[in-house]
Amino acid sequence: MKNIFQILLFLCFSVSFSQKKVMKKFQTAADEITIYTAGLDNLVLENSTSEFIEVYLFAESYDDQLIKIEEKSKELFIKFHFEGTETREVVFRKFITKRLQRANAIIKIPTGKKVFIFGENVDIESKSHQNELAIYIENGIVKLNKIEAKTTLKLYSGNVYATVTNTNLEINSKDGKIKVDDFFYEKKYQQKSKENELQLSIISMKGNVFLKTEIN
């Protein structure tokens, strides 16, 4: 029994110390922020409470992980790079196609920027982000929470969740489910009004879309 307890304690400490954190905080005059999610399992987008962009990267069991920032004219690009345990093991065991480690990022962006996100298999959460947002991914769980600005989402498959108030809606999913409150719709759902200030557009092949409407 004592040996089992020691093993469990060792595993707990191993998990705690294997996760590494990298952070960058900076200002930019760029109007457009482009985020590439390659290497990430999860991305969380938040509103910054200051004029600084903050990027936090959490990764397990990598020797090195980097946040790469590149700025061109009025555009800023955020990328992530990983080196270490997972890379070597996947190369050595070529039949492993699923990543063995996990990498998560939190990015806080001040208002007044237009944000683009590009990726393949990644889960994304926008915590009621107040900037105009465009997301283009292959597959993932996308939690948009409350729509606060013009939002465009294109994905092949996955699940999408959002809450809308006074929002023009253009929802298309060829083979997925579309649910608005308690009602299901096939392939397409539209809701437009000149009085609405916000816009949400979703285009998907197999994605499921779940919307909740609130009255202002």
C-alpha atoms as a PDB file:
ATOM      1  CA  MET A   1       0.000   0.000   0.000  1.00  0.00           C
ATOM      2  CA  LYS A   2       2.846   2.343   0.897  1.00  0.00           C
ATOM      3  CA  ASN A   3       4.537   1.640  -2.443  1.00  0.00           C
ATOM      4  CA  ILE A   4       1.333   2.416  -4.349  1.00  0.00           C
ATOM      5  CA  PHE A   5       0.999   5.745  -2.511  1.00  0.00           C
ATOM      6  CA  GLN A   6       4.601   6.654  -3.342  1.00  0.00           C
ATOM      7  CA  ILE A   7       4.050   5.844  -7.023  1.00  0.00           C
ATOM      8  CA  LEU A   8       0.902   7.999  -7.166  1.00  0.00           C
ATOM      9  CA  LEU A   9       2.709  10.857  -5.420  1.00  0.00           C
ATOM     10  CA  PHE A  10       5.569  10.628  -7.905  1.00  0.00           C
ATOM     11  CA  LEU A  11       3.145  10.710 -10.844  1.00  0.00           C
ATOM     12  CA  CYS A  12       1.395  13.800  -9.455  1.00  0.00           C
ATOM     13  CA  PHE A  13       4.698  15.667  -9.118  1.00  0.00           C
ATOM     14  CA  SER A  14       5.753  14.529 -12.603  1.00  0.00           C
ATOM     15  CA  VAL A  15       2.587  15.968 -14.165  1.00  0.00           C
ATOM     16  CA  SER A  16       2.940  19.231 -12.233  1.00  0.00           C
ATOM     17  CA  PHE A  17       6.561  19.854 -13.202  1.00  0.00           C
ATOM     18  CA  SER A  18       6.276  18.657 -16.819  1.00  0.00           C
ATOM     19  CA  GLN A  19       3.968  21.529 -17.766  1.00  0.00           C
ATOM     20  CA  LYS A  20       5.898  24.599 -18.877  1.00  0.00           C
ATOM     21  CA  LYS A  21       4.646  28.151 -19.272  1.00  0.00           C
ATOM     22  CA  VAL A  22       5.901  30.833 -21.642  1.00  0.00           C
ATOM     23  CA  MET A  23       4.503  34.372 -21.741  1.00  0.00           C
ATOM     24  CA  LYS A  24       4.922  37.442 -23.934  1.00  0.00           C
ATOM     25  CA  LYS A  25       3.396  40.860 -23.329  1.00  0.00           C
ATOM     26  CA  PHE A  26       3.729  43.684 -25.832  1.00  0.00           C
ATOM     27  CA  GLN A  27       2.074  46.626 -27.569  1.00  0.00           C
ATOM     28  CA  THR A  28       1.446  46.972 -31.291  1.00  0.00           C
ATOM     29  CA  ALA A  29       0.131  49.551 -33.727  1.00  0.00           C
ATOM     30  CA  ALA A  30      -1.133  46.783 -36.016  1.00  0.00           C
ATOM     31  CA  ASP A  31      -4.845  46.835 -36.818  1.00  0.00           C
ATOM     32  CA  GLU A  32      -5.040  43.141 -37.720  1.00  0.00           C
ATOM     33  CA  ILE A  33      -3.897  40.219 -35.564  1.00  0.00           C
ATOM     34  CA  THR A  34      -3.461  36.806 -37.228  1.00  0.00           C
ATOM     35  CA  ILE A  35      -3.074  33.725 -35.032  1.00  0.00           C
ATOM     36  CA  TYR A  36      -1.810  30.386 -36.372  1.00  0.00           C
ATOM     37  CA  THR A  37      -2.774  27.505 -34.088  1.00  0.00           C
ATOM     38  CA  ALA A  38      -0.421  24.800 -35.458  1.00  0.00           C
ATOM     39  CA  GLY A  39       0.754  22.661 -32.533  1.00  0.00           C
ATOM     40  CA  LEU A  40      -2.029  23.747 -30.178  1.00  0.00           C
ATOM     41  CA  ASP A  41      -4.797  21.609 -28.731  1.00  0.00           C
ATOM     42  CA  ASN A  42      -6.718  24.527 -27.240  1.00  0.00           C
ATOM     43  CA  LEU A  43      -6.813  28.277 -27.770  1.00  0.00           C
ATOM     44  CA  VAL A  44      -8.650  30.727 -25.513  1.00  0.00           C
ATOM     45  CA  LEU A  45      -9.245  34.277 -26.740  1.00  0.00           C
ATOM     46  CA  GLU A  46      -9.932  36.961 -24.134  1.00  0.00           C
ATOM     47  CA  ASN A  47     -10.367  40.712 -23.951  1.00  0.00           C
ATOM     48  CA  SER A  48      -7.330  42.561 -22.640  1.00  0.00           C
ATOM     49  CA  THR A  49      -7.927  45.039 -19.830  1.00  0.00           C
ATOM     50  CA  SER A  50      -4.975  47.144 -21.012  1.00  0.00           C
ATOM     51  CA  GLU A  51      -3.357  48.277 -24.277  1.00  0.00           C
ATOM     52  CA  PHE A  52      -1.070  45.248 -24.238  1.00  0.00           C
ATOM     53  CA  ILE A  53      -1.420  41.953 -26.069  1.00  0.00           C
ATOM     54  CA  GLU A  54      -0.695  39.054 -23.739  1.00  0.00           C
ATOM     55  CA  VAL A  55       0.168  35.565 -25.013  1.00  0.00           C
ATOM     56  CA  TYR A  56       0.432  32.625 -22.604  1.00  0.00           C
ATOM     57  CA  LEU A  57       1.606  29.206 -23.796  1.00  0.00           C
ATOM     58  CA  PHE A  58       1.302  26.078 -21.662  1.00  0.00           C
ATOM     59  CA  ALA A  59       2.870  22.839 -22.911  1.00  0.00           C
ATOM     60  CA  GLU A  60       3.597  19.410 -21.448  1.00  0.00           C
ATOM     61  CA  SER A  61       6.892  17.548 -21.739  1.00  0.00           C
ATOM     62  CA  TYR A  62       8.568  19.704 -24.367  1.00  0.00           C
ATOM     63  CA  ASP A  63      12.221  20.685 -24.072  1.00  0.00           C
ATOM     64  CA  ASP A  64      11.472  24.054 -25.620  1.00  0.00           C
ATOM     65  CA  GLN A  65       8.413  25.982 -26.752  1.00  0.00           C
ATOM     66  CA  LEU A  66       8.381  29.386 -28.346  1.00  0.00           C
ATOM     67  CA  ILE A  67       5.925  32.171 -29.057  1.00  0.00           C
ATOM     68  CA  LYS A  68       6.863  33.752 -32.374  1.00  0.00           C
ATOM     69  CA  ILE A  69       5.755  37.320 -33.088  1.00  0.00           C
ATOM     70  CA  GLU A  70       6.142  38.919 -36.502  1.00  0.00           C
ATOM     71  CA  GLU A  71       4.919  42.374 -37.483  1.00  0.00           C
ATOM     72  CA  LYS A  72       4.511  43.712 -41.008  1.00  0.00           C
ATOM     73  CA  SER A  73       3.054  47.155 -41.599  1.00  0.00           C
ATOM     74  CA  LYS A  74      -0.397  47.065 -39.981  1.00  0.00           C
ATOM     75  CA  GLU A  75      -0.467  43.281 -39.527  1.00  0.00           C
ATOM     76  CA  LEU A  76       0.827  41.203 -36.634  1.00  0.00           C
ATOM     77  CA  PHE A  77       1.289  37.416 -36.742  1.00  0.00           C
ATOM     78  CA  ILE A  78       1.368  35.077 -33.735  1.00  0.00           C
ATOM     79  CA  LYS A  79       2.747  31.545 -34.157  1.00  0.00           C
ATOM     80  CA  PHE A  80       3.872  28.733 -31.867  1.00  0.00           C
ATOM     81  CA  HIS A  81       6.875  26.426 -32.132  1.00  0.00           C
ATOM     82  CA  PHE A  82       7.670  23.270 -30.181  1.00  0.00           C
ATOM     83  CA  GLU A  83      10.779  21.143 -29.825  1.00  0.00           C
ATOM     84  CA  GLY A  84      11.536  18.149 -27.652  1.00  0.00           C
ATOM     85  CA  THR A  85      10.093  14.925 -26.340  1.00  0.00           C
ATOM     86  CA  GLU A  86       6.947  14.744 -28.414  1.00  0.00           C
ATOM     87  CA  THR A  87       8.681  15.653 -31.673  1.00  0.00           C
ATOM     88  CA  ARG A  88      11.361  13.002 -31.262  1.00  0.00           C
ATOM     89  CA  GLU A  89       8.900  10.254 -30.292  1.00  0.00           C
ATOM     90  CA  VAL A  90       6.580  10.915 -33.207  1.00  0.00           C
ATOM     91  CA  VAL A  91       9.526  10.844 -35.627  1.00  0.00           C
ATOM     92  CA  PHE A  92      10.818   7.622 -34.068  1.00  0.00           C
ATOM     93  CA  ARG A  93       7.424   5.918 -34.064  1.00  0.00           C
ATOM     94  CA  LYS A  94       6.000   6.992 -37.384  1.00  0.00           C
ATOM     95  CA  PHE A  95       2.740   5.135 -36.884  1.00  0.00           C
ATOM     96  CA  ILE A  96       1.755   7.554 -34.102  1.00  0.00           C
ATOM     97  CA  THR A  97      -0.401  10.219 -35.717  1.00  0.00           C
ATOM     98  CA  LYS A  98      -2.061  11.627 -32.616  1.00  0.00           C
ATOM     99  CA  ARG A  99      -0.043  14.063 -30.537  1.00  0.00           C
ATOM    100  CA  LEU A 100       1.094  12.545 -27.266  1.00  0.00           C
ATOM    101  CA  GLN A 101       1.525  15.839 -25.453  1.00  0.00           C
ATOM    102  CA  ARG A 102      -0.796  18.787 -25.004  1.00  0.00           C
ATOM    103  CA  ALA A 103      -0.286  22.479 -25.681  1.00  0.00           C
ATOM    104  CA  ASN A 104      -2.702  25.251 -24.762  1.00  0.00           C
ATOM    105  CA  ALA A 105      -2.604  29.004 -25.296  1.00  0.00           C
ATOM    106  CA  ILE A 106      -4.416  32.025 -23.901  1.00  0.00           C
ATOM    107  CA  ILE A 107      -4.280  35.259 -25.895  1.00  0.00           C
ATOM    108  CA  LYS A 108      -5.606  38.560 -24.559  1.00  0.00           C
ATOM    109  CA  ILE A 109      -6.171  41.295 -27.139  1.00  0.00           C
ATOM    110  CA  PRO A 110      -7.236  44.933 -26.563  1.00  0.00           C
ATOM    111  CA  THR A 111     -10.253  46.342 -28.366  1.00  0.00           C
ATOM    112  CA  GLY A 112      -9.949  47.993 -31.758  1.00  0.00           C
ATOM    113  CA  LYS A 113      -8.209  45.085 -33.501  1.00  0.00           C
ATOM    114  CA  LYS A 114      -9.469  42.673 -36.148  1.00  0.00           C
ATOM    115  CA  VAL A 115      -8.556  39.085 -35.290  1.00  0.00           C
ATOM    116  CA  PHE A 116      -8.010  36.151 -37.672  1.00  0.00           C
ATOM    117  CA  ILE A 117      -7.440  32.558 -36.525  1.00  0.00           C
ATOM    118  CA  PHE A 118      -6.198  29.766 -38.814  1.00  0.00           C
ATOM    119  CA  GLY A 119      -5.808  26.120 -37.833  1.00  0.00           C
ATOM    120  CA  GLU A 120      -6.574  22.462 -38.432  1.00  0.00           C
ATOM    121  CA  ASN A 121      -7.639  20.332 -35.443  1.00  0.00           C
ATOM    122  CA  VAL A 122      -7.990  22.728 -32.537  1.00  0.00           C
ATOM    123  CA  ASP A 123     -10.562  23.670 -29.904  1.00  0.00           C
ATOM    124  CA  ILE A 124     -11.199  27.398 -29.587  1.00  0.00           C
ATOM    125  CA  GLU A 125     -13.006  29.436 -26.966  1.00  0.00           C
ATOM    126  CA  SER A 126     -13.759  33.114 -27.439  1.00  0.00           C
ATOM    127  CA  LYS A 127     -14.732  34.565 -24.089  1.00  0.00           C
ATOM    128  CA  SER A 128     -17.254  37.077 -25.442  1.00  0.00           C
ATOM    129  CA  HIS A 129     -14.465  38.725 -27.417  1.00  0.00           C
ATOM    130  CA  GLN A 130     -15.207  42.343 -28.364  1.00  0.00           C
ATOM    131  CA  ASN A 131     -13.123  42.521 -31.547  1.00  0.00           C
ATOM    132  CA  GLU A 132     -14.208  41.563 -35.041  1.00  0.00           C
ATOM    133  CA  LEU A 133     -13.301  37.896 -35.353  1.00  0.00           C
ATOM    134  CA  ALA A 134     -12.785  35.457 -38.241  1.00  0.00           C
ATOM    135  CA  ILE A 135     -11.951  31.778 -37.608  1.00  0.00           C
ATOM    136  CA  TYR A 136     -10.933  29.257 -40.279  1.00  0.00           C
ATOM    137  CA  ILE A 137     -10.263  25.684 -39.062  1.00  0.00           C
ATOM    138  CA  GLU A 138     -10.739  22.099 -40.214  1.00  0.00           C
ATOM    139  CA  ASN A 139     -12.200  20.555 -37.080  1.00  0.00           C
ATOM    140  CA  GLY A 140     -12.782  21.423 -33.452  1.00  0.00           C
ATOM    141  CA  ILE A 141     -15.069  22.524 -30.669  1.00  0.00           C
ATOM    142  CA  VAL A 142     -15.672  26.271 -30.936  1.00  0.00           C
ATOM    143  CA  LYS A 143     -17.230  28.101 -27.992  1.00  0.00           C
ATOM    144  CA  LEU A 144     -17.996  31.665 -28.992  1.00  0.00           C
ATOM    145  CA  ASN A 145     -20.004  32.468 -25.856  1.00  0.00           C
ATOM    146  CA  LYS A 146     -21.838  35.792 -26.265  1.00  0.00           C
ATOM    147  CA  ILE A 147     -21.349  37.440 -29.647  1.00  0.00           C
ATOM    148  CA  GLU A 148     -20.093  40.988 -29.052  1.00  0.00           C
ATOM    149  CA  ALA A 149     -18.774  41.876 -32.544  1.00  0.00           C
ATOM    150  CA  LYS A 150     -18.984  40.730 -36.151  1.00  0.00           C
ATOM    151  CA  THR A 151     -17.951  37.078 -36.193  1.00  0.00           C
ATOM    152  CA  THR A 152     -17.210  34.754 -39.119  1.00  0.00           C
ATOM    153  CA  LEU A 153     -16.512  31.041 -38.711  1.00  0.00           C
ATOM    154  CA  LYS A 154     -15.670  28.457 -41.363  1.00  0.00           C
ATOM    155  CA  LEU A 155     -14.959  24.840 -40.392  1.00  0.00           C
ATOM    156  CA  TYR A 156     -15.314  21.411 -41.954  1.00  0.00           C
ATOM    157  CA  SER A 157     -16.574  19.553 -38.874  1.00  0.00           C
ATOM    158  CA  GLY A 158     -16.999  19.958 -35.131  1.00  0.00           C
ATOM    159  CA  ASN A 159     -19.396  21.612 -32.706  1.00  0.00           C
ATOM    160  CA  VAL A 160     -20.108  25.332 -32.382  1.00  0.00           C
ATOM    161  CA  TYR A 161     -21.776  27.049 -29.429  1.00  0.00           C
ATOM    162  CA  ALA A 162     -22.837  30.699 -29.197  1.00  0.00           C
ATOM    163  CA  THR A 163     -25.263  33.054 -27.490  1.00  0.00           C
ATOM    164  CA  VAL A 164     -26.703  35.898 -29.570  1.00  0.00           C
ATOM    165  CA  THR A 165     -28.643  39.084 -28.887  1.00  0.00           C
ATOM    166  CA  ASN A 166     -29.801  41.473 -31.637  1.00  0.00           C
ATOM    167  CA  THR A 167     -27.616  39.631 -34.150  1.00  0.00           C
ATOM    168  CA  ASN A 168     -28.059  38.958 -37.854  1.00  0.00           C
ATOM    169  CA  LEU A 169     -27.518  35.238 -38.434  1.00  0.00           C
ATOM    170  CA  GLU A 170     -26.317  33.386 -41.531  1.00  0.00           C
ATOM    171  CA  ILE A 171     -25.832  29.720 -40.593  1.00  0.00           C
ATOM    172  CA  ASN A 172     -25.041  26.994 -43.142  1.00  0.00           C
ATOM    173  CA  SER A 173     -24.154  23.353 -42.415  1.00  0.00           C
ATOM    174  CA  LYS A 174     -24.619  20.855 -45.238  1.00  0.00           C
ATOM    175  CA  ASP A 175     -24.594  17.627 -43.206  1.00  0.00           C
ATOM    176  CA  GLY A 176     -24.554  18.879 -39.616  1.00  0.00           C
ATOM    177  CA  LYS A 177     -27.234  19.883 -37.131  1.00  0.00           C
ATOM    178  CA  ILE A 178     -28.428  23.433 -36.627  1.00  0.00           C
ATOM    179  CA  LYS A 179     -30.237  24.078 -33.352  1.00  0.00           C
ATOM    180  CA  VAL A 180     -31.536  27.495 -32.340  1.00  0.00           C
ATOM    181  CA  ASP A 181     -32.965  27.444 -28.826  1.00  0.00           C
ATOM    182  CA  ASP A 182     -35.296  24.391 -28.876  1.00  0.00           C
ATOM    183  CA  PHE A 183     -35.746  24.125 -32.647  1.00  0.00           C
ATOM    184  CA  PHE A 184     -33.740  22.205 -35.253  1.00  0.00           C
ATOM    185  CA  TYR A 185     -33.159  23.393 -38.827  1.00  0.00           C
ATOM    186  CA  GLU A 186     -31.764  21.596 -41.873  1.00  0.00           C
ATOM    187  CA  LYS A 187     -28.810  22.940 -43.816  1.00  0.00           C
ATOM    188  CA  LYS A 188     -29.554  26.649 -43.347  1.00  0.00           C
ATOM    189  CA  TYR A 189     -30.846  29.199 -40.857  1.00  0.00           C
ATOM    190  CA  GLN A 190     -31.150  32.930 -41.439  1.00  0.00           C
ATOM    191  CA  GLN A 191     -32.310  35.800 -39.306  1.00  0.00           C
ATOM    192  CA  LYS A 192     -31.856  39.378 -40.406  1.00  0.00           C
ATOM    193  CA  SER A 193     -33.079  42.766 -39.274  1.00  0.00           C
ATOM    194  CA  LYS A 194     -31.940  46.290 -40.044  1.00  0.00           C
ATOM    195  CA  GLU A 195     -32.132  47.047 -36.335  1.00  0.00           C
ATOM    196  CA  ASN A 196     -29.504  44.438 -35.452  1.00  0.00           C
ATOM    197  CA  GLU A 197     -26.014  45.792 -34.866  1.00  0.00           C
ATOM    198  CA  LEU A 198     -24.120  42.472 -34.814  1.00  0.00           C
ATOM    199  CA  GLN A 199     -23.526  39.708 -37.344  1.00  0.00           C
ATOM    200  CA  LEU A 200     -22.678  36.002 -37.027  1.00  0.00           C
ATOM    201  CA  SER A 201     -21.840  33.921 -40.097  1.00  0.00           C
ATOM    202  CA  ILE A 202     -21.059  30.186 -39.906  1.00  0.00           C
ATOM    203  CA  ILE A 203     -20.295  27.934 -42.868  1.00  0.00           C
ATOM    204  CA  SER A 204     -19.610  24.226 -42.378  1.00  0.00           C
ATOM    205  CA  MET A 205     -19.784  20.911 -44.180  1.00  0.00           C
ATOM    206  CA  LYS A 206     -20.420  18.588 -41.220  1.00  0.00           C
ATOM    207  CA  GLY A 207     -20.350  20.899 -38.209  1.00  0.00           C
ATOM    208  CA  ASN A 208     -23.121  21.063 -35.610  1.00  0.00           C
ATOM    209  CA  VAL A 209     -24.234  24.540 -34.562  1.00  0.00           C
ATOM    210  CA  PHE A 210     -26.013  25.250 -31.276  1.00  0.00           C
ATOM    211  CA  LEU A 211     -27.304  28.788 -30.743  1.00  0.00           C
ATOM    212  CA  LYS A 212     -29.056  30.346 -27.795  1.00  0.00           C
ATOM    213  CA  THR A 213     -30.909  33.608 -28.299  1.00  0.00           C
ATOM    214  CA  GLU A 214     -31.382  36.251 -25.633  1.00  0.00           C
ATOM    215  CA  ILE A 215     -33.742  39.208 -25.683  1.00  0.00           C
ATOM    216  CA  ASN A 216     -32.117  42.530 -24.892  1.00  0.00           C
END
